[in-house]
């Protein structure tokens, strides 16, 4: 299944400030993942752009500048 508008998306992630070598400020886990509906303007646009067209189980890395 591919991520697209209207799909329920469940992800696990680590959020770093600066870059991957920066301070980790948030993390989810398999027993408490993050879930949202893709394309419903619930998330930052750049975040959804980074997830767009990923398939279930694919790893990802997204960098979002402060201005975005």
PDB file of N, CA and C in Angstrom:
ATOM      1  N   UNK A   1       0.845  -1.174   0.000  1.00  0.00           N
ATOM      2  CA  UNK A   1       0.000   0.000   0.000  1.00  0.00           C
ATOM      3  C   UNK A   1       0.892   1.239   0.000  1.00  0.00           C
ATOM      4  N   UNK A   2       0.534   2.230  -0.770  1.00  0.00           N
ATOM      5  CA  UNK A   2       1.291   3.469  -0.904  1.00  0.00           C
ATOM      6  C   UNK A   2       0.573   4.599  -0.163  1.00  0.00           C
ATOM      7  N   UNK A   3       1.339   5.460   0.499  1.00  0.00           N
ATOM      8  CA  UNK A   3       0.760   6.612   1.200  1.00  0.00           C
ATOM      9  C   UNK A   3       0.194   7.576   0.173  1.00  0.00           C
ATOM     10  N   UNK A   4      -1.054   7.951   0.361  1.00  0.00           N
ATOM     11  CA  UNK A   4      -1.704   8.917  -0.519  1.00  0.00           C
ATOM     12  C   UNK A   4      -2.850   9.577   0.245  1.00  0.00           C
ATOM     13  N   UNK A   5      -3.438  10.604  -0.334  1.00  0.00           N
ATOM     14  CA  UNK A   5      -4.476  11.411   0.319  1.00  0.00           C
ATOM     15  C   UNK A   5      -5.608  10.533   0.851  1.00  0.00           C
ATOM     16  N   UNK A   6      -5.986  10.825   2.089  1.00  0.00           N
ATOM     17  CA  UNK A   6      -7.097  10.132   2.725  1.00  0.00           C
ATOM     18  C   UNK A   6      -6.729   8.833   3.422  1.00  0.00           C
ATOM     19  N   UNK A   7      -5.488   8.370   3.260  1.00  0.00           N
ATOM     20  CA  UNK A   7      -5.060   7.118   3.904  1.00  0.00           C
ATOM     21  C   UNK A   7      -4.693   7.379   5.361  1.00  0.00           C
ATOM     22  N   UNK A   8      -5.006   6.426   6.224  1.00  0.00           N
ATOM     23  CA  UNK A   8      -4.568   6.469   7.608  1.00  0.00           C
ATOM     24  C   UNK A   8      -3.118   6.006   7.624  1.00  0.00           C
ATOM     25  N   UNK A   9      -2.246   6.822   8.185  1.00  0.00           N
ATOM     26  CA  UNK A   9      -0.809   6.533   8.213  1.00  0.00           C
ATOM     27  C   UNK A   9      -0.386   6.331   9.657  1.00  0.00           C
ATOM     28  N   UNK A  10       0.352   5.272   9.904  1.00  0.00           N
ATOM     29  CA  UNK A  10       0.895   4.986  11.224  1.00  0.00           C
ATOM     30  C   UNK A  10       2.395   4.865  11.081  1.00  0.00           C
ATOM     31  N   UNK A  11       3.129   5.679  11.855  1.00  0.00           N
ATOM     32  CA  UNK A  11       4.587   5.676  11.755  1.00  0.00           C
ATOM     33  C   UNK A  11       5.233   5.648  13.136  1.00  0.00           C
ATOM     34  N   UNK A  12       6.467   5.182  13.146  1.00  0.00           N
ATOM     35  CA  UNK A  12       7.350   5.313  14.296  1.00  0.00           C
ATOM     36  C   UNK A  12       8.452   6.255  13.846  1.00  0.00           C
ATOM     37  N   UNK A  13       8.877   7.157  14.731  1.00  0.00           N
ATOM     38  CA  UNK A  13       9.906   8.105  14.329  1.00  0.00           C
ATOM     39  C   UNK A  13      10.729   8.588  15.509  1.00  0.00           C
ATOM     40  N   UNK A  14      11.850   9.210  15.178  1.00  0.00           N
ATOM     41  CA  UNK A  14      12.672   9.951  16.118  1.00  0.00           C
ATOM     42  C   UNK A  14      12.808  11.353  15.554  1.00  0.00           C
ATOM     43  N   UNK A  15      12.568  12.362  16.390  1.00  0.00           N
ATOM     44  CA  UNK A  15      12.642  13.762  15.975  1.00  0.00           C
ATOM     45  C   UNK A  15      13.873  14.402  16.608  1.00  0.00           C
ATOM     46  N   UNK A  16      14.756  14.924  15.753  1.00  0.00           N
ATOM     47  CA  UNK A  16      15.985  15.566  16.202  1.00  0.00           C
ATOM     48  C   UNK A  16      15.942  17.053  15.884  1.00  0.00           C
ATOM     49  N   UNK A  17      16.530  17.857  16.745  1.00  0.00           N
ATOM     50  CA  UNK A  17      16.703  19.281  16.479  1.00  0.00           C
ATOM     51  C   UNK A  17      18.103  19.457  15.905  1.00  0.00           C
ATOM     52  N   UNK A  18      18.207  20.166  14.807  1.00  0.00           N
ATOM     53  CA  UNK A  18      19.492  20.377  14.146  1.00  0.00           C
ATOM     54  C   UNK A  18      19.681  19.372  13.039  1.00  0.00           C
ATOM     55  N   UNK A  19      20.108  18.169  13.369  1.00  0.00           N
ATOM     56  CA  UNK A  19      20.247  17.077  12.414  1.00  0.00           C
ATOM     57  C   UNK A  19      20.266  15.772  13.205  1.00  0.00           C
ATOM     58  N   UNK A  20      20.549  14.676  12.546  1.00  0.00           N
ATOM     59  CA  UNK A  20      20.522  13.366  13.220  1.00  0.00           C
ATOM     60  C   UNK A  20      21.520  13.308  14.369  1.00  0.00           C
ATOM     61  N   UNK A  21      22.549  14.139  14.318  1.00  0.00           N
ATOM     62  CA  UNK A  21      23.535  14.193  15.402  1.00  0.00           C
ATOM     63  C   UNK A  21      23.131  15.188  16.489  1.00  0.00           C
ATOM     64  N   UNK A  22      22.003  15.867  16.297  1.00  0.00           N
ATOM     65  CA  UNK A  22      21.527  16.845  17.268  1.00  0.00           C
ATOM     66  C   UNK A  22      20.798  16.176  18.415  1.00  0.00           C
ATOM     67  N   UNK A  23      20.092  16.979  19.174  1.00  0.00           N
ATOM     68  CA  UNK A  23      19.354  16.484  20.330  1.00  0.00           C
ATOM     69  C   UNK A  23      18.039  15.838  19.895  1.00  0.00           C
ATOM     70  N   UNK A  24      17.797  14.592  20.360  1.00  0.00           N
ATOM     71  CA  UNK A  24      16.523  13.938  20.076  1.00  0.00           C
ATOM     72  C   UNK A  24      15.494  14.516  21.050  1.00  0.00           C
ATOM     73  N   UNK A  25      14.404  15.065  20.512  1.00  0.00           N
ATOM     74  CA  UNK A  25      13.397  15.714  21.355  1.00  0.00           C
ATOM     75  C   UNK A  25      12.095  14.927  21.448  1.00  0.00           C
ATOM     76  N   UNK A  26      11.930  13.930  20.584  1.00  0.00           N
ATOM     77  CA  UNK A  26      10.695  13.142  20.609  1.00  0.00           C
ATOM     78  C   UNK A  26      10.939  11.819  19.905  1.00  0.00           C
ATOM     79  N   UNK A  27      10.252  10.779  20.402  1.00  0.00           N
ATOM     80  CA  UNK A  27      10.387   9.451  19.799  1.00  0.00           C
ATOM     81  C   UNK A  27       9.105   8.664  20.018  1.00  0.00           C
ATOM     82  N   UNK A  28       8.696   7.920  19.006  1.00  0.00           N
ATOM     83  CA  UNK A  28       7.574   6.998  19.162  1.00  0.00           C
ATOM     84  C   UNK A  28       8.119   5.578  19.089  1.00  0.00           C
ATOM     85  N   UNK A  29       7.307   4.625  19.440  1.00  0.00           N
ATOM     86  CA  UNK A  29       7.741   3.228  19.433  1.00  0.00           C
ATOM     87  C   UNK A  29       6.636   2.354  18.855  1.00  0.00           C
ATOM     88  N   UNK A  30       6.965   1.099  18.609  1.00  0.00           N
ATOM     89  CA  UNK A  30       6.021   0.158  18.009  1.00  0.00           C
ATOM     90  C   UNK A  30       4.740   0.040  18.836  1.00  0.00           C
ATOM     91  N   UNK A  31       4.873   0.092  20.161  1.00  0.00           N
ATOM     92  CA  UNK A  31       3.692  -0.049  21.022  1.00  0.00           C
ATOM     93  C   UNK A  31       2.926   1.268  21.204  1.00  0.00           C
ATOM     94  N   UNK A  32       3.460   2.372  20.650  1.00  0.00           N
ATOM     95  CA  UNK A  32       2.784   3.668  20.742  1.00  0.00           C
ATOM     96  C   UNK A  32       3.148   4.526  19.528  1.00  0.00           C
ATOM     97  N   UNK A  33       2.750   4.085  18.321  1.00  0.00           N
ATOM     98  CA  UNK A  33       3.106   4.823  17.105  1.00  0.00           C
ATOM     99  C   UNK A  33       2.261   6.088  16.948  1.00  0.00           C
ATOM    100  N   UNK A  34       2.635   6.898  15.972  1.00  0.00           N
ATOM    101  CA  UNK A  34       1.901   8.116  15.637  1.00  0.00           C
ATOM    102  C   UNK A  34       0.999   7.819  14.446  1.00  0.00           C
ATOM    103  N   UNK A  35      -0.270   8.200  14.528  1.00  0.00           N
ATOM    104  CA  UNK A  35      -1.235   7.927  13.466  1.00  0.00           C
ATOM    105  C   UNK A  35      -1.945   9.221  13.063  1.00  0.00           C
ATOM    106  N   UNK A  36      -2.124   9.411  11.751  1.00  0.00           N
ATOM    107  CA  UNK A  36      -2.845  10.568  11.239  1.00  0.00           C
ATOM    108  C   UNK A  36      -3.421  10.238   9.867  1.00  0.00           C
ATOM    109  N   UNK A  37      -4.288  11.108   9.357  1.00  0.00           N
ATOM    110  CA  UNK A  37      -4.851  10.941   8.023  1.00  0.00           C
ATOM    111  C   UNK A  37      -4.062  11.817   7.070  1.00  0.00           C
ATOM    112  N   UNK A  38      -3.473  11.209   6.062  1.00  0.00           N
ATOM    113  CA  UNK A  38      -2.612  11.901   5.120  1.00  0.00           C
ATOM    114  C   UNK A  38      -3.422  12.828   4.216  1.00  0.00           C
ATOM    115  N   UNK A  39      -2.896  14.052   4.007  1.00  0.00           N
ATOM    116  CA  UNK A  39      -3.514  14.976   3.068  1.00  0.00           C
ATOM    117  C   UNK A  39      -4.677  15.773   3.621  1.00  0.00           C
ATOM    118  N   UNK A  40      -4.884  15.740   4.926  1.00  0.00           N
ATOM    119  CA  UNK A  40      -5.997  16.468   5.542  1.00  0.00           C
ATOM    120  C   UNK A  40      -5.527  17.745   6.234  1.00  0.00           C
ATOM    121  N   UNK A  41      -4.316  18.207   5.890  1.00  0.00           N
ATOM    122  CA  UNK A  41      -3.724  19.425   6.441  1.00  0.00           C
ATOM    123  C   UNK A  41      -3.594  19.373   7.962  1.00  0.00           C
ATOM    124  N   UNK A  42      -3.376  18.161   8.493  1.00  0.00           N
ATOM    125  CA  UNK A  42      -3.151  17.977   9.920  1.00  0.00           C
ATOM    126  C   UNK A  42      -1.671  18.114  10.262  1.00  0.00           C
ATOM    127  N   UNK A  43      -0.813  17.898   9.273  1.00  0.00           N
ATOM    128  CA  UNK A  43       0.633  17.865   9.472  1.00  0.00           C
ATOM    129  C   UNK A  43       1.298  18.959   8.650  1.00  0.00           C
ATOM    130  N   UNK A  44       2.570  19.239   8.960  1.00  0.00           N
ATOM    131  CA  UNK A  44       3.330  20.191   8.153  1.00  0.00           C
ATOM    132  C   UNK A  44       3.389  19.710   6.708  1.00  0.00           C
ATOM    133  N   UNK A  45       3.248  20.641   5.785  1.00  0.00           N
ATOM    134  CA  UNK A  45       3.257  20.300   4.358  1.00  0.00           C
ATOM    135  C   UNK A  45       4.550  19.583   3.961  1.00  0.00           C
ATOM    136  N   UNK A  46       5.688  20.070   4.444  1.00  0.00           N
ATOM    137  CA  UNK A  46       6.983  19.458   4.095  1.00  0.00           C
ATOM    138  C   UNK A  46       7.093  18.040   4.659  1.00  0.00           C
ATOM    139  N   UNK A  47       6.484  17.791   5.808  1.00  0.00           N
ATOM    140  CA  UNK A  47       6.486  16.452   6.393  1.00  0.00           C
ATOM    141  C   UNK A  47       5.714  15.497   5.488  1.00  0.00           C
ATOM    142  N   UNK A  48       4.520  15.908   5.065  1.00  0.00           N
ATOM    143  CA  UNK A  48       3.727  15.051   4.183  1.00  0.00           C
ATOM    144  C   UNK A  48       4.399  14.870   2.826  1.00  0.00           C
ATOM    145  N   UNK A  49       5.062  15.900   2.308  1.00  0.00           N
ATOM    146  CA  UNK A  49       5.796  15.753   1.044  1.00  0.00           C
ATOM    147  C   UNK A  49       6.860  14.671   1.174  1.00  0.00           C
ATOM    148  N   UNK A  50       7.517  14.617   2.328  1.00  0.00           N
ATOM    149  CA  UNK A  50       8.555  13.607   2.553  1.00  0.00           C
ATOM    150  C   UNK A  50       8.011  12.195   2.658  1.00  0.00           C
ATOM    151  N   UNK A  51       6.765  12.053   3.067  1.00  0.00           N
ATOM    152  CA  UNK A  51       6.147  10.732   3.192  1.00  0.00           C
ATOM    153  C   UNK A  51       5.413  10.293   1.924  1.00  0.00           C
ATOM    154  N   UNK A  52       5.074  11.253   1.087  1.00  0.00           N
ATOM    155  CA  UNK A  52       4.279  10.976  -0.108  1.00  0.00           C
ATOM    156  C   UNK A  52       4.883   9.860  -0.946  1.00  0.00           C
ATOM    157  N   UNK A  53       4.056   8.922  -1.331  1.00  0.00           N
ATOM    158  CA  UNK A  53       4.405   7.792  -2.199  1.00  0.00           C
ATOM    159  C   UNK A  53       5.271   6.720  -1.543  1.00  0.00           C
ATOM    160  N   UNK A  54       5.525   6.828  -0.228  1.00  0.00           N
ATOM    161  CA  UNK A  54       6.228   5.735   0.448  1.00  0.00           C
ATOM    162  C   UNK A  54       5.299   4.532   0.540  1.00  0.00           C
ATOM    163  N   UNK A  55       5.888   3.366   0.606  1.00  0.00           N
ATOM    164  CA  UNK A  55       5.119   2.129   0.750  1.00  0.00           C
ATOM    165  C   UNK A  55       5.259   1.617   2.178  1.00  0.00           C
ATOM    166  N   UNK A  56       4.307   0.819   2.612  1.00  0.00           N
ATOM    167  CA  UNK A  56       4.320   0.253   3.960  1.00  0.00           C
ATOM    168  C   UNK A  56       5.651  -0.434   4.226  1.00  0.00           C
ATOM    169  N   UNK A  57       6.238  -0.126   5.373  1.00  0.00           N
ATOM    170  CA  UNK A  57       7.485  -0.748   5.787  1.00  0.00           C
ATOM    171  C   UNK A  57       8.750  -0.045   5.324  1.00  0.00           C
ATOM    172  N   UNK A  58       8.628   0.944   4.442  1.00  0.00           N
ATOM    173  CA  UNK A  58       9.812   1.654   3.963  1.00  0.00           C
ATOM    174  C   UNK A  58      10.350   2.588   5.049  1.00  0.00           C
ATOM    175  N   UNK A  59      11.676   2.673   5.131  1.00  0.00           N
ATOM    176  CA  UNK A  59      12.319   3.625   6.025  1.00  0.00           C
ATOM    177  C   UNK A  59      12.347   4.981   5.356  1.00  0.00           C
ATOM    178  N   UNK A  60      12.428   6.032   6.168  1.00  0.00           N
ATOM    179  CA  UNK A  60      12.453   7.381   5.610  1.00  0.00           C
ATOM    180  C   UNK A  60      13.249   8.306   6.508  1.00  0.00           C
ATOM    181  N   UNK A  61      13.717   9.388   5.923  1.00  0.00           N
ATOM    182  CA  UNK A  61      14.385  10.458   6.640  1.00  0.00           C
ATOM    183  C   UNK A  61      13.915  11.759   6.011  1.00  0.00           C
ATOM    184  N   UNK A  62      13.464  12.675   6.847  1.00  0.00           N
ATOM    185  CA  UNK A  62      12.939  13.949   6.355  1.00  0.00           C
ATOM    186  C   UNK A  62      13.630  15.071   7.109  1.00  0.00           C
ATOM    187  N   UNK A  63      14.112  16.074   6.382  1.00  0.00           N
ATOM    188  CA  UNK A  63      14.667  17.274   6.999  1.00  0.00           C
ATOM    189  C   UNK A  63      13.744  18.442   6.674  1.00  0.00           C
ATOM    190  N   UNK A  64      13.369  19.177   7.695  1.00  0.00           N
ATOM    191  CA  UNK A  64      12.482  20.332   7.508  1.00  0.00           C
ATOM    192  C   UNK A  64      13.171  21.560   8.094  1.00  0.00           C
ATOM    193  N   UNK A  65      13.337  22.583   7.274  1.00  0.00           N
ATOM    194  CA  UNK A  65      13.960  23.818   7.737  1.00  0.00           C
ATOM    195  C   UNK A  65      13.003  24.582   8.636  1.00  0.00           C
ATOM    196  N   UNK A  66      13.548  25.380   9.538  1.00  0.00           N
ATOM    197  CA  UNK A  66      12.737  26.162  10.478  1.00  0.00           C
ATOM    198  C   UNK A  66      11.709  27.029   9.760  1.00  0.00           C
ATOM    199  N   UNK A  67      12.070  27.579   8.604  1.00  0.00           N
ATOM    200  CA  UNK A  67      11.156  28.445   7.873  1.00  0.00           C
ATOM    201  C   UNK A  67       9.918  27.707   7.376  1.00  0.00           C
ATOM    202  N   UNK A  68      10.021  26.396   7.250  1.00  0.00           N
ATOM    203  CA  UNK A  68       8.909  25.596   6.748  1.00  0.00           C
ATOM    204  C   UNK A  68       8.079  25.046   7.888  1.00  0.00           C
TER     205      UNK A  68
END
